[in-house]
């Protein structure tokens, strides 16, 4: 709790790929692992898996089983994850103006 608020936020969403995973969930809704692999060119499967696990542990996303045979999962934004919408919008707007 001693860290500044910006540092705490970056600890949560500052890892490479995390903002892009969030972007996909905001723009496209629930996604499967393969959906992320297809849209995030260059992300290694083990890195994607680690990011999704970390985001789930931090309460930003949740996994839901949508097929039992074979087991398949979809990733959804949680209320906490959805609260990042204005931050991602601000990043997008800044990138459009200054990119």
C-alpha atoms as a PDB file:
ATOM      1  CA  UNK A   1       0.000   0.000   0.000  1.00  0.00           C
ATOM      2  CA  UNK A   2       3.026   2.275   0.170  1.00  0.00           C
ATOM      3  CA  UNK A   3       3.384   2.484  -3.611  1.00  0.00           C
ATOM      4  CA  UNK A   4       1.866   5.376  -5.445  1.00  0.00           C
ATOM      5  CA  UNK A   5      -1.437   4.714  -7.162  1.00  0.00           C
ATOM      6  CA  UNK A   6       0.065   4.927 -10.658  1.00  0.00           C
ATOM      7  CA  UNK A   7       2.690   2.314  -9.754  1.00  0.00           C
ATOM      8  CA  UNK A   8       0.022   0.008  -8.289  1.00  0.00           C
ATOM      9  CA  UNK A   9      -2.087   0.325 -11.435  1.00  0.00           C
ATOM     10  CA  UNK A  10       0.904  -0.390 -13.672  1.00  0.00           C
ATOM     11  CA  UNK A  11       1.726  -3.439 -11.537  1.00  0.00           C
ATOM     12  CA  UNK A  12      -1.725  -4.720 -12.442  1.00  0.00           C
ATOM     13  CA  UNK A  13      -1.984  -3.841 -16.136  1.00  0.00           C
ATOM     14  CA  UNK A  14       1.503  -2.805 -17.225  1.00  0.00           C
ATOM     15  CA  UNK A  15       2.822  -6.203 -18.334  1.00  0.00           C
ATOM     16  CA  UNK A  16       3.320  -6.665 -22.058  1.00  0.00           C
ATOM     17  CA  UNK A  17       0.140  -8.006 -23.716  1.00  0.00           C
ATOM     18  CA  UNK A  18      -2.169  -7.300 -20.744  1.00  0.00           C
ATOM     19  CA  UNK A  19      -3.618  -4.048 -22.162  1.00  0.00           C
ATOM     20  CA  UNK A  20      -4.131  -5.743 -25.538  1.00  0.00           C
ATOM     21  CA  UNK A  21      -5.944  -8.677 -23.933  1.00  0.00           C
ATOM     22  CA  UNK A  22      -8.166  -6.156 -22.168  1.00  0.00           C
ATOM     23  CA  UNK A  23      -8.690  -4.285 -25.454  1.00  0.00           C
ATOM     24  CA  UNK A  24      -9.857  -7.470 -27.171  1.00  0.00           C
ATOM     25  CA  UNK A  25     -12.286  -8.259 -24.357  1.00  0.00           C
ATOM     26  CA  UNK A  26     -13.718  -4.727 -24.453  1.00  0.00           C
ATOM     27  CA  UNK A  27     -14.056  -4.605 -28.229  1.00  0.00           C
ATOM     28  CA  UNK A  28     -15.043  -8.197 -28.989  1.00  0.00           C
ATOM     29  CA  UNK A  29     -16.579  -9.572 -25.798  1.00  0.00           C
ATOM     30  CA  UNK A  30     -15.802 -12.998 -24.331  1.00  0.00           C
ATOM     31  CA  UNK A  31     -12.824 -14.648 -26.011  1.00  0.00           C
ATOM     32  CA  UNK A  32     -11.233 -18.080 -26.168  1.00  0.00           C
ATOM     33  CA  UNK A  33      -7.502 -18.722 -25.866  1.00  0.00           C
ATOM     34  CA  UNK A  34      -7.251 -19.270 -29.621  1.00  0.00           C
ATOM     35  CA  UNK A  35      -9.032 -15.972 -30.284  1.00  0.00           C
ATOM     36  CA  UNK A  36      -6.284 -14.166 -28.376  1.00  0.00           C
ATOM     37  CA  UNK A  37      -3.598 -16.153 -30.206  1.00  0.00           C
ATOM     38  CA  UNK A  38      -5.118 -15.117 -33.526  1.00  0.00           C
ATOM     39  CA  UNK A  39      -5.434 -11.410 -32.716  1.00  0.00           C
ATOM     40  CA  UNK A  40      -2.195 -10.873 -30.773  1.00  0.00           C
ATOM     41  CA  UNK A  41       0.467 -11.498 -33.386  1.00  0.00           C
ATOM     42  CA  UNK A  42       3.712 -12.549 -31.778  1.00  0.00           C
ATOM     43  CA  UNK A  43       2.474 -13.616 -28.359  1.00  0.00           C
ATOM     44  CA  UNK A  44       3.882 -16.998 -27.324  1.00  0.00           C
ATOM     45  CA  UNK A  45       1.288 -19.463 -25.968  1.00  0.00           C
ATOM     46  CA  UNK A  46       3.101 -19.767 -22.630  1.00  0.00           C
ATOM     47  CA  UNK A  47       3.222 -15.967 -22.283  1.00  0.00           C
ATOM     48  CA  UNK A  48      -0.469 -15.635 -23.123  1.00  0.00           C
ATOM     49  CA  UNK A  49      -1.313 -18.367 -20.641  1.00  0.00           C
ATOM     50  CA  UNK A  50       0.727 -16.626 -17.932  1.00  0.00           C
ATOM     51  CA  UNK A  51      -0.926 -13.251 -18.610  1.00  0.00           C
ATOM     52  CA  UNK A  52      -4.431 -14.740 -18.512  1.00  0.00           C
ATOM     53  CA  UNK A  53      -3.658 -16.549 -15.266  1.00  0.00           C
ATOM     54  CA  UNK A  54      -2.240 -13.376 -13.700  1.00  0.00           C
ATOM     55  CA  UNK A  55      -5.229 -11.321 -14.831  1.00  0.00           C
ATOM     56  CA  UNK A  56      -7.578 -13.909 -13.379  1.00  0.00           C
ATOM     57  CA  UNK A  57      -5.681 -13.943 -10.065  1.00  0.00           C
ATOM     58  CA  UNK A  58      -5.918 -10.139  -9.941  1.00  0.00           C
ATOM     59  CA  UNK A  59      -9.677 -10.299 -10.502  1.00  0.00           C
ATOM     60  CA  UNK A  60      -9.684  -8.596 -13.912  1.00  0.00           C
ATOM     61  CA  UNK A  61     -11.054 -11.558 -15.854  1.00  0.00           C
ATOM     62  CA  UNK A  62     -12.837 -14.807 -15.156  1.00  0.00           C
ATOM     63  CA  UNK A  63     -12.912 -18.108 -17.000  1.00  0.00           C
ATOM     64  CA  UNK A  64     -16.146 -19.853 -17.881  1.00  0.00           C
ATOM     65  CA  UNK A  65     -16.492 -23.382 -19.148  1.00  0.00           C
ATOM     66  CA  UNK A  66     -18.577 -23.467 -22.322  1.00  0.00           C
ATOM     67  CA  UNK A  67     -17.977 -27.052 -23.450  1.00  0.00           C
ATOM     68  CA  UNK A  68     -17.288 -30.049 -21.270  1.00  0.00           C
ATOM     69  CA  UNK A  69     -16.167 -32.487 -23.986  1.00  0.00           C
ATOM     70  CA  UNK A  70     -13.558 -31.411 -24.758  1.00  0.00           C
ATOM     71  CA  UNK A  71     -13.288 -28.838 -21.978  1.00  0.00           C
ATOM     72  CA  UNK A  72     -13.216 -25.326 -23.463  1.00  0.00           C
ATOM     73  CA  UNK A  73     -12.983 -22.007 -21.728  1.00  0.00           C
ATOM     74  CA  UNK A  74     -14.034 -18.462 -22.476  1.00  0.00           C
ATOM     75  CA  UNK A  75     -12.513 -15.449 -20.770  1.00  0.00           C
ATOM     76  CA  UNK A  76     -14.783 -12.637 -19.589  1.00  0.00           C
ATOM     77  CA  UNK A  77     -14.147  -9.259 -17.996  1.00  0.00           C
ATOM     78  CA  UNK A  78     -15.133  -9.016 -14.349  1.00  0.00           C
ATOM     79  CA  UNK A  79     -16.633  -5.871 -12.852  1.00  0.00           C
ATOM     80  CA  UNK A  80     -13.098  -4.883 -11.799  1.00  0.00           C
ATOM     81  CA  UNK A  81     -11.826  -5.490 -15.345  1.00  0.00           C
ATOM     82  CA  UNK A  82     -14.683  -3.496 -16.856  1.00  0.00           C
ATOM     83  CA  UNK A  83     -13.765  -0.570 -14.615  1.00  0.00           C
ATOM     84  CA  UNK A  84     -10.562  -0.209 -16.680  1.00  0.00           C
ATOM     85  CA  UNK A  85     -12.617   0.872 -19.712  1.00  0.00           C
ATOM     86  CA  UNK A  86     -11.994   4.613 -19.285  1.00  0.00           C
ATOM     87  CA  UNK A  87      -8.246   4.022 -18.905  1.00  0.00           C
ATOM     88  CA  UNK A  88      -8.051   1.996 -22.119  1.00  0.00           C
ATOM     89  CA  UNK A  89     -10.179   4.580 -23.923  1.00  0.00           C
ATOM     90  CA  UNK A  90      -7.822   7.328 -22.762  1.00  0.00           C
ATOM     91  CA  UNK A  91      -4.809   5.320 -23.998  1.00  0.00           C
ATOM     92  CA  UNK A  92      -6.516   4.777 -27.339  1.00  0.00           C
ATOM     93  CA  UNK A  93      -7.444   8.448 -27.686  1.00  0.00           C
ATOM     94  CA  UNK A  94      -3.919   9.545 -26.789  1.00  0.00           C
ATOM     95  CA  UNK A  95      -2.444   7.110 -29.310  1.00  0.00           C
ATOM     96  CA  UNK A  96      -4.732   8.429 -32.030  1.00  0.00           C
ATOM     97  CA  UNK A  97      -3.774  12.046 -31.323  1.00  0.00           C
ATOM     98  CA  UNK A  98      -0.060  11.463 -30.827  1.00  0.00           C
ATOM     99  CA  UNK A  99       0.762   8.305 -32.769  1.00  0.00           C
END
